[in-house]
Amino acid sequence: MRLAQREHRAALHAFRSAVETGDLQGLLDILAPDVVALSDGGGVKHALLRPIVGADKVARLLAVGWRKRDVERSVEPVQINGGPGLLIRVDGEIDGVPAVRVENGYVTGAYHVRNPEKLSGVEREIAVSR
C-alpha cells in the first residue's frame, strides 16, 4: 500500500473515531485549519444554513452535535459517489452520510447529506448496465 493511501486511511479512521466519540481534541487533530463543513437537509431535516469554515468551529459543531441527544448512534465507513464517507445511524435508522475529503493526511471538507430523498438508495445495490 502506498504511503498516500495509508495516510488517507489513517485520517479517515481518526476522523471516524473522533466523530463516534465526540472527541473535540481528536477532531482538532485531524481537521485541516481551513476545513469546510456543508450539509443538506432538503428542507426536511435540520441542516446548516451556510458553510462552517475552520477547524475549531467544525470540531465544536461535530462534537456538540454528537452528544446533543440521548439516542443510540453508530458510524460505519462507506463509499459515496466513489469517495470516502460515513454512514450515520440514529436508533438504527439512517440519519445522514457525510462525504469526506482528505488531503495531505487531514480532513479538508465534509458534506453531510441528511435529505431523505438523497439517502433512499444508500443501502441498496444498484446494478449498472451499458
N, C-alpha and C. Protein backbone atom coordinates (compact mmCIF):
# COMPACT_ATOMS: atom_id res chain seq x y z
N MET A 1 0.85 -1.18 0.00
CA MET A 1 0.00 0.00 0.00
C MET A 1 0.90 1.24 0.00
N ARG A 2 0.59 2.18 -0.85
CA ARG A 2 1.37 3.42 -0.94
C ARG A 2 1.19 4.27 0.31
N LEU A 3 2.19 5.11 0.56
CA LEU A 3 2.17 5.99 1.72
C LEU A 3 0.94 6.89 1.70
N ALA A 4 0.60 7.47 0.54
CA ALA A 4 -0.57 8.35 0.44
C ALA A 4 -1.85 7.61 0.82
N GLN A 5 -1.99 6.37 0.38
CA GLN A 5 -3.18 5.58 0.73
C GLN A 5 -3.23 5.32 2.23
N ARG A 6 -2.09 5.00 2.83
CA ARG A 6 -2.05 4.75 4.27
C ARG A 6 -2.43 6.01 5.04
N GLU A 7 -1.89 7.16 4.62
CA GLU A 7 -2.24 8.43 5.28
C GLU A 7 -3.72 8.72 5.16
N HIS A 8 -4.28 8.46 3.97
CA HIS A 8 -5.69 8.69 3.71
C HIS A 8 -6.54 7.83 4.64
N ARG A 9 -6.22 6.54 4.71
CA ARG A 9 -6.98 5.62 5.58
C ARG A 9 -6.83 5.99 7.04
N ALA A 10 -5.62 6.36 7.44
CA ALA A 10 -5.39 6.75 8.83
C ALA A 10 -6.20 8.00 9.18
N ALA A 11 -6.27 8.96 8.27
CA ALA A 11 -7.04 10.18 8.51
C ALA A 11 -8.52 9.86 8.64
N LEU A 12 -9.03 9.00 7.76
CA LEU A 12 -10.44 8.63 7.83
C LEU A 12 -10.76 7.88 9.11
N HIS A 13 -9.86 6.99 9.51
CA HIS A 13 -10.07 6.24 10.75
C HIS A 13 -10.08 7.19 11.96
N ALA A 14 -9.14 8.12 11.98
CA ALA A 14 -9.09 9.09 13.08
C ALA A 14 -10.33 9.96 13.10
N PHE A 15 -10.79 10.39 11.93
CA PHE A 15 -11.99 11.21 11.84
C PHE A 15 -13.20 10.43 12.34
N ARG A 16 -13.33 9.18 11.88
CA ARG A 16 -14.45 8.34 12.31
C ARG A 16 -14.44 8.17 13.83
N SER A 17 -13.28 7.85 14.39
CA SER A 17 -13.19 7.65 15.84
C SER A 17 -13.58 8.91 16.60
N ALA A 18 -13.10 10.05 16.13
CA ALA A 18 -13.41 11.30 16.81
C ALA A 18 -14.89 11.65 16.70
N VAL A 19 -15.48 11.39 15.53
CA VAL A 19 -16.91 11.66 15.35
C VAL A 19 -17.73 10.73 16.24
N GLU A 20 -17.35 9.45 16.29
CA GLU A 20 -18.09 8.48 17.10
C GLU A 20 -18.10 8.84 18.58
N THR A 21 -17.01 9.38 19.06
CA THR A 21 -16.89 9.65 20.49
C THR A 21 -17.18 11.10 20.86
N GLY A 22 -17.24 11.98 19.85
CA GLY A 22 -17.43 13.40 20.15
C GLY A 22 -16.17 14.00 20.75
N ASP A 23 -15.00 13.41 20.43
CA ASP A 23 -13.71 13.83 20.97
C ASP A 23 -13.25 15.13 20.30
N LEU A 24 -13.41 16.23 21.00
CA LEU A 24 -13.08 17.54 20.44
C LEU A 24 -11.60 17.62 20.04
N GLN A 25 -10.70 17.20 20.91
CA GLN A 25 -9.27 17.28 20.59
C GLN A 25 -8.93 16.35 19.43
N GLY A 26 -9.54 15.18 19.38
CA GLY A 26 -9.31 14.27 18.26
C GLY A 26 -9.75 14.89 16.94
N LEU A 27 -10.84 15.60 16.96
CA LEU A 27 -11.31 16.29 15.75
C LEU A 27 -10.35 17.42 15.37
N LEU A 28 -9.93 18.19 16.34
CA LEU A 28 -8.99 19.28 16.05
C LEU A 28 -7.68 18.75 15.46
N ASP A 29 -7.27 17.56 15.90
CA ASP A 29 -6.02 16.96 15.41
C ASP A 29 -6.12 16.51 13.95
N ILE A 30 -7.31 16.15 13.48
CA ILE A 30 -7.44 15.57 12.14
C ILE A 30 -8.03 16.57 11.12
N LEU A 31 -8.63 17.64 11.58
CA LEU A 31 -9.22 18.62 10.66
C LEU A 31 -8.17 19.62 10.19
N ALA A 32 -8.18 19.92 8.89
CA ALA A 32 -7.31 20.96 8.34
C ALA A 32 -7.75 22.31 8.92
N PRO A 33 -6.83 23.24 9.08
CA PRO A 33 -7.20 24.55 9.65
C PRO A 33 -8.32 25.24 8.90
N ASP A 34 -8.40 25.05 7.58
CA ASP A 34 -9.42 25.72 6.77
C ASP A 34 -10.52 24.77 6.30
N VAL A 35 -10.76 23.70 7.06
CA VAL A 35 -11.79 22.73 6.72
C VAL A 35 -13.14 23.42 6.53
N VAL A 36 -13.94 22.87 5.61
CA VAL A 36 -15.27 23.42 5.34
C VAL A 36 -16.30 22.32 5.55
N ALA A 37 -17.35 22.62 6.30
CA ALA A 37 -18.46 21.69 6.50
C ALA A 37 -19.72 22.27 5.88
N LEU A 38 -20.40 21.44 5.10
CA LEU A 38 -21.67 21.79 4.47
C LEU A 38 -22.67 20.70 4.81
N SER A 39 -23.95 21.02 4.71
CA SER A 39 -24.95 19.96 4.90
C SER A 39 -26.19 20.25 4.07
N ASP A 40 -26.96 19.19 3.86
CA ASP A 40 -28.16 19.25 3.03
C ASP A 40 -29.27 18.47 3.72
N GLY A 41 -30.27 19.16 4.20
CA GLY A 41 -31.40 18.50 4.83
C GLY A 41 -32.62 18.47 3.93
N GLY A 42 -32.54 19.08 2.76
CA GLY A 42 -33.64 19.08 1.80
C GLY A 42 -34.91 19.73 2.32
N GLY A 43 -34.78 20.58 3.33
CA GLY A 43 -35.96 21.22 3.90
C GLY A 43 -36.77 20.29 4.79
N VAL A 44 -36.27 19.06 4.97
CA VAL A 44 -36.98 18.07 5.77
C VAL A 44 -36.25 17.81 7.09
N LYS A 45 -34.93 17.76 7.03
CA LYS A 45 -34.10 17.52 8.21
C LYS A 45 -33.28 18.76 8.52
N HIS A 46 -32.91 18.91 9.78
CA HIS A 46 -32.08 20.03 10.20
C HIS A 46 -30.75 20.00 9.44
N ALA A 47 -30.31 21.16 8.97
CA ALA A 47 -29.05 21.27 8.25
C ALA A 47 -28.45 22.65 8.49
N LEU A 48 -27.19 22.78 8.16
CA LEU A 48 -26.52 24.07 8.28
C LEU A 48 -27.11 25.07 7.29
N LEU A 49 -27.25 26.30 7.70
CA LEU A 49 -27.79 27.34 6.82
C LEU A 49 -26.72 27.90 5.90
N ARG A 50 -25.47 27.78 6.32
CA ARG A 50 -24.34 28.26 5.50
C ARG A 50 -23.12 27.40 5.84
N PRO A 51 -22.11 27.44 4.99
CA PRO A 51 -20.89 26.65 5.28
C PRO A 51 -20.25 27.09 6.59
N ILE A 52 -19.69 26.12 7.29
CA ILE A 52 -18.92 26.38 8.50
C ILE A 52 -17.46 26.19 8.12
N VAL A 53 -16.62 27.19 8.41
CA VAL A 53 -15.22 27.16 8.00
C VAL A 53 -14.32 27.26 9.22
N GLY A 54 -13.30 26.42 9.24
CA GLY A 54 -12.29 26.45 10.30
C GLY A 54 -12.38 25.24 11.21
N ALA A 55 -11.21 24.73 11.58
CA ALA A 55 -11.14 23.51 12.39
C ALA A 55 -11.87 23.66 13.72
N ASP A 56 -11.68 24.78 14.40
CA ASP A 56 -12.30 24.96 15.71
C ASP A 56 -13.83 24.93 15.62
N LYS A 57 -14.38 25.66 14.67
CA LYS A 57 -15.84 25.71 14.52
C LYS A 57 -16.41 24.37 14.09
N VAL A 58 -15.77 23.72 13.13
CA VAL A 58 -16.27 22.43 12.64
C VAL A 58 -16.14 21.37 13.73
N ALA A 59 -15.03 21.35 14.45
CA ALA A 59 -14.84 20.37 15.53
C ALA A 59 -15.91 20.54 16.61
N ARG A 60 -16.16 21.77 17.00
CA ARG A 60 -17.19 22.01 18.03
C ARG A 60 -18.58 21.60 17.54
N LEU A 61 -18.87 21.90 16.28
CA LEU A 61 -20.15 21.50 15.69
C LEU A 61 -20.32 19.99 15.75
N LEU A 62 -19.29 19.26 15.33
CA LEU A 62 -19.37 17.80 15.32
C LEU A 62 -19.41 17.21 16.72
N ALA A 63 -18.58 17.72 17.62
CA ALA A 63 -18.53 17.18 18.98
C ALA A 63 -19.82 17.45 19.74
N VAL A 64 -20.33 18.67 19.65
CA VAL A 64 -21.57 19.02 20.36
C VAL A 64 -22.75 18.29 19.73
N GLY A 65 -22.79 18.23 18.41
CA GLY A 65 -23.89 17.54 17.72
C GLY A 65 -23.97 16.08 18.10
N TRP A 66 -22.84 15.44 18.31
CA TRP A 66 -22.84 14.02 18.64
C TRP A 66 -23.42 13.78 20.02
N ARG A 67 -23.15 14.66 20.96
CA ARG A 67 -23.61 14.49 22.34
C ARG A 67 -24.99 15.08 22.58
N LYS A 68 -25.54 15.73 21.56
CA LYS A 68 -26.76 16.51 21.72
C LYS A 68 -27.96 15.73 22.22
N ARG A 69 -28.20 14.56 21.67
CA ARG A 69 -29.41 13.80 22.02
C ARG A 69 -29.05 12.48 22.69
N ASP A 70 -29.94 12.02 23.53
CA ASP A 70 -29.75 10.73 24.20
C ASP A 70 -30.37 9.64 23.33
N VAL A 71 -29.63 9.26 22.29
CA VAL A 71 -30.09 8.24 21.35
C VAL A 71 -28.94 7.30 21.04
N GLU A 72 -29.27 6.18 20.46
CA GLU A 72 -28.24 5.23 20.04
C GLU A 72 -27.74 5.64 18.67
N ARG A 73 -26.43 5.83 18.55
CA ARG A 73 -25.83 6.22 17.28
C ARG A 73 -24.76 5.22 16.88
N SER A 74 -24.59 5.08 15.58
CA SER A 74 -23.50 4.26 15.07
C SER A 74 -22.93 4.91 13.82
N VAL A 75 -21.67 4.62 13.56
CA VAL A 75 -20.97 5.19 12.42
C VAL A 75 -20.23 4.06 11.72
N GLU A 76 -20.36 3.98 10.40
CA GLU A 76 -19.60 2.99 9.65
C GLU A 76 -19.07 3.62 8.37
N PRO A 77 -17.88 3.20 7.95
CA PRO A 77 -17.32 3.76 6.71
C PRO A 77 -18.06 3.24 5.48
N VAL A 78 -18.21 4.11 4.49
CA VAL A 78 -18.86 3.74 3.23
C VAL A 78 -18.18 4.48 2.08
N GLN A 79 -18.44 4.01 0.88
CA GLN A 79 -18.02 4.72 -0.32
C GLN A 79 -19.25 5.47 -0.85
N ILE A 80 -19.12 6.76 -1.04
CA ILE A 80 -20.21 7.60 -1.53
C ILE A 80 -19.74 8.30 -2.79
N ASN A 81 -20.43 8.06 -3.88
CA ASN A 81 -20.06 8.67 -5.16
C ASN A 81 -18.58 8.49 -5.48
N GLY A 82 -18.06 7.30 -5.16
CA GLY A 82 -16.68 6.97 -5.47
C GLY A 82 -15.66 7.49 -4.47
N GLY A 83 -16.12 8.13 -3.41
CA GLY A 83 -15.20 8.66 -2.41
C GLY A 83 -15.55 8.19 -1.02
N PRO A 84 -14.72 8.52 -0.05
CA PRO A 84 -14.96 8.06 1.32
C PRO A 84 -16.07 8.83 2.01
N GLY A 85 -16.75 8.14 2.91
CA GLY A 85 -17.79 8.78 3.70
C GLY A 85 -18.11 7.95 4.92
N LEU A 86 -19.04 8.41 5.69
CA LEU A 86 -19.50 7.72 6.89
C LEU A 86 -21.02 7.60 6.82
N LEU A 87 -21.52 6.45 7.21
CA LEU A 87 -22.96 6.23 7.31
C LEU A 87 -23.32 6.36 8.78
N ILE A 88 -24.13 7.36 9.10
CA ILE A 88 -24.52 7.60 10.49
C ILE A 88 -25.95 7.15 10.70
N ARG A 89 -26.13 6.30 11.69
CA ARG A 89 -27.46 5.81 12.06
C ARG A 89 -27.82 6.35 13.44
N VAL A 90 -29.08 6.71 13.59
CA VAL A 90 -29.63 7.12 14.88
C VAL A 90 -30.79 6.19 15.17
N ASP A 91 -30.70 5.50 16.29
CA ASP A 91 -31.70 4.49 16.66
C ASP A 91 -31.95 3.50 15.52
N GLY A 92 -30.87 3.11 14.83
CA GLY A 92 -30.95 2.10 13.79
C GLY A 92 -31.36 2.59 12.42
N GLU A 93 -31.79 3.84 12.30
CA GLU A 93 -32.23 4.40 11.03
C GLU A 93 -31.15 5.31 10.46
N ILE A 94 -31.00 5.33 9.14
CA ILE A 94 -30.03 6.22 8.52
C ILE A 94 -30.40 7.67 8.82
N ASP A 95 -29.46 8.40 9.39
CA ASP A 95 -29.67 9.81 9.70
C ASP A 95 -28.94 10.71 8.73
N GLY A 96 -27.81 10.23 8.21
CA GLY A 96 -27.06 11.05 7.28
C GLY A 96 -25.79 10.37 6.82
N VAL A 97 -25.22 10.94 5.78
CA VAL A 97 -23.97 10.45 5.22
C VAL A 97 -23.06 11.63 4.92
N PRO A 98 -22.04 11.83 5.76
CA PRO A 98 -21.07 12.85 5.41
C PRO A 98 -20.02 12.27 4.46
N ALA A 99 -19.90 12.88 3.28
CA ALA A 99 -18.82 12.55 2.37
C ALA A 99 -17.63 13.38 2.83
N VAL A 100 -16.46 12.75 2.85
CA VAL A 100 -15.28 13.38 3.44
C VAL A 100 -14.18 13.55 2.40
N ARG A 101 -13.55 14.70 2.39
CA ARG A 101 -12.40 14.94 1.52
C ARG A 101 -11.15 14.98 2.40
N VAL A 102 -10.14 14.18 2.02
CA VAL A 102 -8.88 14.14 2.76
C VAL A 102 -7.76 14.58 1.84
N GLU A 103 -6.93 15.48 2.34
CA GLU A 103 -5.76 15.95 1.60
C GLU A 103 -4.59 16.07 2.57
N ASN A 104 -3.45 15.49 2.18
CA ASN A 104 -2.23 15.55 2.99
C ASN A 104 -2.44 15.09 4.43
N GLY A 105 -3.28 14.07 4.60
CA GLY A 105 -3.49 13.49 5.92
C GLY A 105 -4.48 14.21 6.80
N TYR A 106 -5.15 15.23 6.28
CA TYR A 106 -6.14 15.99 7.06
C TYR A 106 -7.48 16.02 6.35
N VAL A 107 -8.54 16.07 7.12
CA VAL A 107 -9.88 16.23 6.55
C VAL A 107 -10.02 17.70 6.18
N THR A 108 -10.25 17.96 4.89
CA THR A 108 -10.37 19.34 4.41
C THR A 108 -11.81 19.73 4.10
N GLY A 109 -12.69 18.73 4.03
CA GLY A 109 -14.08 19.03 3.73
C GLY A 109 -15.01 17.91 4.14
N ALA A 110 -16.21 18.27 4.54
CA ALA A 110 -17.24 17.29 4.88
C ALA A 110 -18.58 17.83 4.39
N TYR A 111 -19.25 17.04 3.55
CA TYR A 111 -20.56 17.40 3.02
C TYR A 111 -21.55 16.39 3.57
N HIS A 112 -22.33 16.80 4.55
CA HIS A 112 -23.23 15.91 5.28
C HIS A 112 -24.63 15.94 4.66
N VAL A 113 -24.98 14.86 3.99
CA VAL A 113 -26.30 14.75 3.37
C VAL A 113 -27.26 14.12 4.38
N ARG A 114 -28.32 14.82 4.71
CA ARG A 114 -29.36 14.31 5.61
C ARG A 114 -30.71 14.25 4.91
N ASN A 115 -30.78 14.80 3.71
CA ASN A 115 -32.01 14.83 2.92
C ASN A 115 -32.47 13.40 2.64
N PRO A 116 -33.62 12.98 3.17
CA PRO A 116 -34.09 11.60 2.97
C PRO A 116 -34.23 11.21 1.50
N GLU A 117 -34.58 12.15 0.65
CA GLU A 117 -34.72 11.86 -0.78
C GLU A 117 -33.39 11.40 -1.38
N LYS A 118 -32.31 12.01 -0.94
CA LYS A 118 -30.99 11.68 -1.47
C LYS A 118 -30.38 10.45 -0.81
N LEU A 119 -30.94 10.03 0.31
CA LEU A 119 -30.40 8.88 1.03
C LEU A 119 -31.16 7.58 0.73
N SER A 120 -32.20 7.66 -0.06
CA SER A 120 -33.06 6.49 -0.28
C SER A 120 -32.34 5.31 -0.90
N GLY A 121 -31.27 5.52 -1.66
CA GLY A 121 -30.58 4.41 -2.31
C GLY A 121 -29.29 4.01 -1.66
N VAL A 122 -28.97 4.57 -0.52
CA VAL A 122 -27.68 4.32 0.11
C VAL A 122 -27.46 2.85 0.44
N GLU A 123 -28.47 2.16 0.91
CA GLU A 123 -28.28 0.78 1.35
C GLU A 123 -28.56 -0.28 0.29
N ARG A 124 -29.11 0.11 -0.81
CA ARG A 124 -29.37 -0.93 -1.82
C ARG A 124 -28.33 -0.84 -2.95
N GLU A 125 -27.98 -1.97 -3.42
CA GLU A 125 -27.01 -2.03 -4.51
C GLU A 125 -27.74 -1.78 -5.82
N ILE A 126 -27.19 -0.89 -6.62
CA ILE A 126 -27.82 -0.56 -7.90
C ILE A 126 -26.99 -1.14 -9.03
N ALA A 127 -27.64 -1.96 -9.86
CA ALA A 127 -26.94 -2.57 -10.99
C ALA A 127 -26.72 -1.53 -12.08
N VAL A 128 -25.54 -1.55 -12.65
CA VAL A 128 -25.20 -0.63 -13.73
C VAL A 128 -25.13 -1.42 -15.01
N SER A 129 -25.81 -0.96 -16.04
CA SER A 129 -25.76 -1.66 -17.33
C SER A 129 -25.28 -0.69 -18.39
N ARG A 130 -24.73 -1.24 -19.45
CA ARG A 130 -24.22 -0.40 -20.54
C ARG A 130 -25.13 -0.46 -21.72
